[in-house]
């Protein structure tokens, strides 16, 4: 009973995300941007554009997710300066439309002539209260697509090039699909664990989707029964353990420190330099609620939080609880 009470309390605490970005008027007068009224610059290398009827919460959610993926340790600096430079050079962006028939969508698809857009978001796809959760919030997926396609494929072609027989990842995908299929097979081999079946998605598209599945599986975003069952027709190793055991090549790539891919799942909160040590729930005070949250993370009742790893040993455990308790005691003296 106490476990459920603590979870209810924590859900209430985290019902409103903290995002330290400002929404500005859209001043971009290039072709394709005339119907956007809202704009957010994310870390000076990634832009968010939205129509007027997209809520500020959703616009800021997209900005926070982009920032968390680029600055995964949330120190205010993009983790990979080469990716930052490439995204800035190509003016990487993601537009947010009311729907696919809106005037803004028509104008953008007809007139955009840049080199920094490879995915879009629609209003119904964004849920700030369920960051990255399959079926609720597509923000993590679509933003990852842009960062990977515009950034990683260009900067690290030997690792991420999308053409057949062109990179470490393309070779790994051929193994994951049970063979190299330029076109979709009628049925995938029994040994395949990645069996994408969207006939509109070519080999390069499938490679980008494959990279997304690998990154979020490693993060643990897909690690619940409902999600695993819902995506099994496309992707099987939905938990971090299954991913590590099944797709050995891509697990090594995703965790290669040279490539600096994000390891921590975004939660929709981004305020670098605004966090007290031990303030796990970002309420600007270190107290018993932070201990309750950390214990729930250890027990697996809720997703991890990078701020809960107080001693920076890449795991959240009882040692972190003790450190938070010491902070509380010290502050009271």
Protein backbone atom coordinates (compact mmCIF):
# COMPACT_ATOMS: atom_id res chain seq x y z
CA UNK A 1 0.00 0.00 0.00
CA UNK A 2 2.83 2.38 0.91
CA UNK A 3 4.44 1.72 -2.48
CA UNK A 4 1.35 2.86 -4.35
CA UNK A 5 0.90 5.91 -2.14
CA UNK A 6 4.46 7.00 -2.84
CA UNK A 7 3.97 6.55 -6.58
CA UNK A 8 0.79 8.66 -6.52
CA UNK A 9 2.62 11.41 -4.63
CA UNK A 10 5.48 11.34 -7.11
CA UNK A 11 3.16 11.48 -10.10
CA UNK A 12 1.64 14.65 -8.65
CA UNK A 13 5.08 16.16 -8.05
CA UNK A 14 6.12 15.59 -11.65
CA UNK A 15 2.85 16.65 -13.26
CA UNK A 16 4.39 19.90 -14.52
CA UNK A 17 7.71 19.90 -16.36
CA UNK A 18 10.41 22.49 -15.83
CA UNK A 19 11.83 23.84 -19.08
CA UNK A 20 14.25 26.77 -19.15
CA UNK A 21 13.68 27.97 -22.70
CA UNK A 22 11.75 30.95 -24.03
CA UNK A 23 9.29 30.83 -26.90
CA UNK A 24 10.02 33.67 -29.31
CA UNK A 25 8.13 35.03 -32.33
CA UNK A 26 9.13 33.39 -35.59
CA UNK A 27 11.33 35.82 -37.50
CA UNK A 28 12.33 33.38 -40.24
CA UNK A 29 11.14 34.73 -43.59
CA UNK A 30 12.62 31.97 -45.73
CA UNK A 31 10.32 29.88 -47.96
CA UNK A 32 8.21 27.41 -46.00
CA UNK A 33 8.20 29.24 -42.66
CA UNK A 34 5.55 31.93 -43.09
CA UNK A 35 2.78 30.13 -41.17
CA UNK A 36 4.84 29.47 -38.03
CA UNK A 37 4.39 31.92 -35.17
CA UNK A 38 6.36 30.21 -32.38
CA UNK A 39 10.09 29.56 -32.29
CA UNK A 40 12.59 28.09 -29.81
CA UNK A 41 16.34 27.99 -30.28
CA UNK A 42 17.78 24.93 -28.57
CA UNK A 43 21.43 25.18 -27.57
CA UNK A 44 22.18 27.30 -30.61
CA UNK A 45 22.09 24.31 -32.95
CA UNK A 46 18.51 23.01 -33.17
CA UNK A 47 15.34 24.95 -33.93
CA UNK A 48 11.69 24.33 -33.06
CA UNK A 49 8.98 25.97 -35.20
CA UNK A 50 5.28 25.70 -34.40
CA UNK A 51 1.91 26.97 -35.52
CA UNK A 52 0.00 29.38 -33.32
CA UNK A 53 -2.49 26.76 -32.14
CA UNK A 54 0.19 24.44 -30.74
CA UNK A 55 0.22 24.93 -26.98
CA UNK A 56 3.27 26.45 -25.34
CA UNK A 57 3.61 23.34 -23.17
CA UNK A 58 3.99 21.17 -26.27
CA UNK A 59 6.44 23.53 -27.94
CA UNK A 60 8.59 23.66 -24.82
CA UNK A 61 8.33 19.89 -24.46
CA UNK A 62 9.86 19.42 -27.90
CA UNK A 63 12.61 21.88 -27.00
CA UNK A 64 13.35 20.13 -23.70
CA UNK A 65 13.54 16.71 -25.33
CA UNK A 66 15.90 18.01 -28.02
CA UNK A 67 18.09 19.60 -25.36
CA UNK A 68 18.17 16.45 -23.24
CA UNK A 69 19.17 14.33 -26.21
CA UNK A 70 21.92 16.75 -27.23
CA UNK A 71 23.07 17.57 -23.70
CA UNK A 72 22.42 14.28 -21.97
CA UNK A 73 24.28 15.18 -18.77
CA UNK A 74 22.39 18.51 -18.71
CA UNK A 75 25.38 20.73 -18.03
CA UNK A 76 24.26 23.28 -20.63
CA UNK A 77 26.78 22.12 -23.24
CA UNK A 78 26.09 19.86 -26.23
CA UNK A 79 27.84 16.55 -25.51
CA UNK A 80 29.39 16.17 -28.96
CA UNK A 81 30.81 19.42 -30.41
CA UNK A 82 31.04 17.85 -33.88
CA UNK A 83 27.31 17.08 -33.86
CA UNK A 84 26.60 20.58 -32.54
CA UNK A 85 28.61 22.10 -35.39
CA UNK A 86 26.92 19.99 -38.07
CA UNK A 87 23.41 20.65 -36.79
CA UNK A 88 24.11 24.37 -36.67
CA UNK A 89 25.70 24.38 -40.13
CA UNK A 90 22.68 22.64 -41.66
CA UNK A 91 20.13 24.58 -39.59
CA UNK A 92 18.62 21.44 -38.06
CA UNK A 93 14.98 21.83 -37.07
CA UNK A 94 11.72 20.13 -36.38
CA UNK A 95 8.40 21.76 -37.31
CA UNK A 96 5.21 21.17 -35.30
CA UNK A 97 1.96 21.20 -37.27
CA UNK A 98 -1.68 21.17 -36.20
CA UNK A 99 -2.21 18.29 -38.61
CA UNK A 100 -0.95 17.13 -41.99
CA UNK A 101 -3.55 19.22 -43.85
CA UNK A 102 -2.80 22.54 -42.17
CA UNK A 103 -1.72 25.56 -44.18
CA UNK A 104 1.62 25.52 -42.37
CA UNK A 105 2.23 21.90 -43.38
CA UNK A 106 1.31 22.59 -47.01
CA UNK A 107 3.53 25.63 -47.12
CA UNK A 108 6.49 23.87 -45.50
CA UNK A 109 6.32 20.70 -47.61
CA UNK A 110 5.87 22.70 -50.81
CA UNK A 111 8.46 25.41 -50.25
CA UNK A 112 11.12 24.41 -47.71
CA UNK A 113 14.45 24.21 -49.53
CA UNK A 114 16.88 23.72 -46.67
CA UNK A 115 18.95 20.75 -45.56
CA UNK A 116 18.09 20.44 -41.88
CA UNK A 117 14.67 18.79 -41.68
CA UNK A 118 14.14 15.04 -41.79
CA UNK A 119 11.12 14.55 -39.51
CA UNK A 120 8.08 16.48 -38.31
CA UNK A 121 5.73 16.45 -35.34
CA UNK A 122 1.96 16.81 -35.31
CA UNK A 123 -0.05 18.19 -32.41
CA UNK A 124 -1.68 14.86 -31.53
CA UNK A 125 1.71 13.14 -31.28
CA UNK A 126 2.98 15.23 -28.35
CA UNK A 127 2.22 14.44 -24.71
CA UNK A 128 4.42 16.26 -22.18
CA UNK A 129 3.14 14.01 -19.39
CA UNK A 130 4.35 10.79 -21.04
CA UNK A 131 7.75 11.65 -22.48
CA UNK A 132 8.75 9.17 -25.16
CA UNK A 133 6.12 6.61 -24.16
CA UNK A 134 5.12 4.55 -27.18
CA UNK A 135 1.65 5.40 -28.42
CA UNK A 136 1.48 8.62 -26.38
CA UNK A 137 4.44 10.83 -27.20
CA UNK A 138 6.42 10.65 -30.45
CA UNK A 139 8.64 13.60 -29.56
CA UNK A 140 11.68 11.54 -28.59
CA UNK A 141 11.44 9.44 -31.75
CA UNK A 142 11.09 12.29 -34.21
CA UNK A 143 13.74 14.48 -32.61
CA UNK A 144 16.18 11.55 -32.48
CA UNK A 145 15.54 10.98 -36.20
CA UNK A 146 16.57 14.55 -37.00
CA UNK A 147 19.68 14.51 -34.81
CA UNK A 148 20.79 11.14 -36.19
CA UNK A 149 20.01 11.83 -39.84
CA UNK A 150 21.34 15.39 -39.99
CA UNK A 151 24.15 14.89 -37.49
CA UNK A 152 25.48 11.38 -36.94
CA UNK A 153 25.14 10.07 -40.49
CA UNK A 154 27.13 13.04 -41.78
CA UNK A 155 29.79 13.21 -39.06
CA UNK A 156 30.37 9.49 -38.53
CA UNK A 157 29.63 7.81 -41.90
CA UNK A 158 31.72 4.71 -41.15
CA UNK A 159 29.43 4.04 -38.21
CA UNK A 160 26.05 5.36 -39.39
CA UNK A 161 25.90 5.59 -43.20
CA UNK A 162 22.48 4.42 -44.39
CA UNK A 163 23.24 2.76 -47.73
CA UNK A 164 23.60 -1.05 -47.94
CA UNK A 165 27.10 -2.33 -47.15
CA UNK A 166 28.20 1.18 -46.20
CA UNK A 167 28.67 1.20 -42.43
CA UNK A 168 28.84 -0.68 -39.17
CA UNK A 169 25.15 0.07 -38.62
CA UNK A 170 23.97 -1.07 -42.05
CA UNK A 171 25.77 -4.37 -41.54
CA UNK A 172 24.26 -4.75 -38.08
CA UNK A 173 20.79 -4.05 -39.46
CA UNK A 174 21.19 -6.78 -42.08
CA UNK A 175 21.86 -9.21 -39.25
CA UNK A 176 18.92 -7.89 -37.23
CA UNK A 177 16.59 -8.37 -40.22
CA UNK A 178 17.86 -11.87 -40.92
CA UNK A 179 19.50 -10.84 -44.20
CA UNK A 180 20.02 -7.90 -46.51
CA UNK A 181 16.68 -6.91 -47.97
CA UNK A 182 16.71 -3.84 -50.19
CA UNK A 183 12.96 -4.27 -50.59
CA UNK A 184 10.66 -5.62 -47.93
CA UNK A 185 10.45 -9.42 -47.93
CA UNK A 186 7.03 -11.05 -47.86
CA UNK A 187 8.05 -12.58 -44.54
CA UNK A 188 11.14 -12.06 -42.45
CA UNK A 189 13.33 -15.02 -41.44
CA UNK A 190 12.52 -16.56 -38.09
CA UNK A 191 15.84 -15.42 -36.61
CA UNK A 192 15.13 -11.73 -37.36
CA UNK A 193 14.38 -9.39 -34.47
CA UNK A 194 13.83 -6.26 -36.56
CA UNK A 195 11.05 -6.73 -39.08
CA UNK A 196 9.89 -3.35 -40.29
CA UNK A 197 6.99 -3.74 -42.71
CA UNK A 198 6.09 -0.20 -43.84
CA UNK A 199 6.29 -0.42 -47.64
CA UNK A 200 6.79 3.35 -47.90
CA UNK A 201 10.06 3.10 -45.94
CA UNK A 202 13.12 2.28 -48.08
CA UNK A 203 16.41 0.79 -46.89
CA UNK A 204 17.79 4.13 -45.68
CA UNK A 205 14.56 4.91 -43.86
CA UNK A 206 14.66 1.50 -42.19
CA UNK A 207 18.21 2.19 -41.01
CA UNK A 208 17.16 5.45 -39.32
CA UNK A 209 14.24 3.66 -37.66
CA UNK A 210 16.59 0.87 -36.57
CA UNK A 211 18.93 3.35 -34.88
CA UNK A 212 16.00 4.86 -32.99
CA UNK A 213 14.86 1.47 -31.71
CA UNK A 214 18.38 0.69 -30.55
CA UNK A 215 18.89 3.97 -28.69
CA UNK A 216 15.56 3.93 -26.84
CA UNK A 217 15.79 0.22 -26.04
CA UNK A 218 19.13 0.88 -24.39
CA UNK A 219 17.63 3.84 -22.48
CA UNK A 220 14.77 1.68 -21.15
CA UNK A 221 12.00 3.80 -22.64
CA UNK A 222 10.28 0.72 -24.11
CA UNK A 223 10.61 -1.41 -20.99
CA UNK A 224 7.01 -2.17 -20.08
CA UNK A 225 4.73 -5.04 -21.05
CA UNK A 226 2.21 -2.95 -22.98
CA UNK A 227 4.90 -1.32 -25.11
CA UNK A 228 6.80 -4.55 -25.73
CA UNK A 229 3.61 -6.26 -26.89
CA UNK A 230 2.60 -3.29 -29.00
CA UNK A 231 5.86 -3.09 -30.96
CA UNK A 232 6.68 -6.81 -31.18
CA UNK A 233 5.55 -6.97 -34.80
CA UNK A 234 8.39 -4.55 -35.64
CA UNK A 235 10.98 -4.74 -32.88
CA UNK A 236 11.62 -7.51 -30.35
CA UNK A 237 14.49 -6.60 -27.96
CA UNK A 238 12.47 -3.92 -26.15
CA UNK A 239 14.27 -3.95 -22.78
CA UNK A 240 17.86 -2.96 -22.04
CA UNK A 241 18.75 -6.54 -21.10
CA UNK A 242 17.13 -8.05 -24.20
CA UNK A 243 18.81 -5.45 -26.38
CA UNK A 244 22.23 -6.16 -24.90
CA UNK A 245 21.77 -9.92 -25.28
CA UNK A 246 20.19 -9.86 -28.75
CA UNK A 247 21.76 -7.05 -30.77
CA UNK A 248 25.37 -7.27 -29.62
CA UNK A 249 26.76 -5.12 -32.43
CA UNK A 250 24.39 -2.20 -31.92
CA UNK A 251 24.60 -2.39 -28.15
CA UNK A 252 28.33 -1.85 -28.54
CA UNK A 253 27.74 1.06 -30.93
CA UNK A 254 25.14 2.80 -28.77
CA UNK A 255 27.44 2.55 -25.76
CA UNK A 256 30.63 3.53 -27.57
CA UNK A 257 31.90 6.56 -25.60
CA UNK A 258 33.56 8.00 -28.70
CA UNK A 259 30.17 8.51 -30.37
CA UNK A 260 28.58 10.16 -27.31
CA UNK A 261 25.06 8.95 -28.04
CA UNK A 262 22.53 9.79 -25.31
CA UNK A 263 22.30 7.19 -22.56
CA UNK A 264 19.64 8.67 -20.30
CA UNK A 265 15.99 8.82 -21.29
CA UNK A 266 14.57 12.35 -21.62
CA UNK A 267 11.91 13.26 -19.07
CA UNK A 268 10.81 16.61 -20.49
CA UNK A 269 12.66 18.67 -17.90
CA UNK A 270 15.64 20.80 -18.89
CA UNK A 271 17.13 23.51 -16.69
CA UNK A 272 20.93 23.10 -16.60
CA UNK A 273 22.70 24.71 -13.68
CA UNK A 274 19.39 25.01 -11.85
CA UNK A 275 19.60 21.77 -9.88
CA UNK A 276 20.70 21.37 -6.28
CA UNK A 277 22.66 18.22 -5.52
CA UNK A 278 20.13 15.79 -4.07
CA UNK A 279 17.12 17.69 -5.47
CA UNK A 280 15.84 14.77 -7.52
CA UNK A 281 12.35 16.17 -8.15
CA UNK A 282 13.56 19.68 -9.07
CA UNK A 283 11.46 21.48 -6.45
CA UNK A 284 14.48 23.54 -5.29
CA UNK A 285 14.74 21.80 -1.92
CA UNK A 286 16.35 18.56 -0.77
CA UNK A 287 13.97 16.69 1.50
CA UNK A 288 12.29 13.35 2.21
CA UNK A 289 10.46 13.45 -1.14
CA UNK A 290 13.80 13.15 -2.90
CA UNK A 291 14.60 10.06 -0.86
CA UNK A 292 11.19 8.56 -1.67
CA UNK A 293 11.80 9.20 -5.37
CA UNK A 294 15.27 7.65 -5.28
CA UNK A 295 14.00 4.55 -3.46
CA UNK A 296 11.27 4.14 -6.09
CA UNK A 297 13.92 4.37 -8.82
CA UNK A 298 15.98 1.68 -7.09
CA UNK A 299 12.92 -0.56 -6.73
CA UNK A 300 12.09 -0.09 -10.42
CA UNK A 301 8.72 1.50 -9.72
CA UNK A 302 9.55 4.54 -11.87
CA UNK A 303 12.10 5.39 -14.54
CA UNK A 304 15.60 6.48 -13.64
CA UNK A 305 16.67 10.07 -13.15
CA UNK A 306 20.23 11.23 -13.82
CA UNK A 307 20.11 13.54 -10.79
CA UNK A 308 19.59 10.55 -8.49
CA UNK A 309 23.08 9.25 -9.23
CA UNK A 310 24.63 11.50 -6.58
CA UNK A 311 28.06 9.83 -6.55
CA UNK A 312 28.27 9.58 -10.38
CA UNK A 313 28.97 5.85 -10.43
CA UNK A 314 26.43 5.29 -13.26
CA UNK A 315 23.96 3.50 -11.02
CA UNK A 316 21.30 4.57 -8.55
CA UNK A 317 21.52 2.57 -5.33
CA UNK A 318 21.46 2.79 -1.53
CA UNK A 319 24.67 4.81 -1.52
CA UNK A 320 22.84 7.64 -3.26
CA UNK A 321 20.04 7.47 -0.69
CA UNK A 322 22.61 7.80 2.10
CA UNK A 323 24.20 10.81 0.41
CA UNK A 324 20.82 12.54 0.05
CA UNK A 325 20.07 11.82 3.71
CA UNK A 326 23.42 13.36 4.70
CA UNK A 327 22.59 16.46 2.64
CA UNK A 328 19.25 16.82 4.44
CA UNK A 329 20.90 16.42 7.86
CA UNK A 330 23.67 18.89 6.99
CA UNK A 331 21.15 21.48 5.79
CA UNK A 332 19.21 21.20 9.05
CA UNK A 333 22.29 21.86 11.19
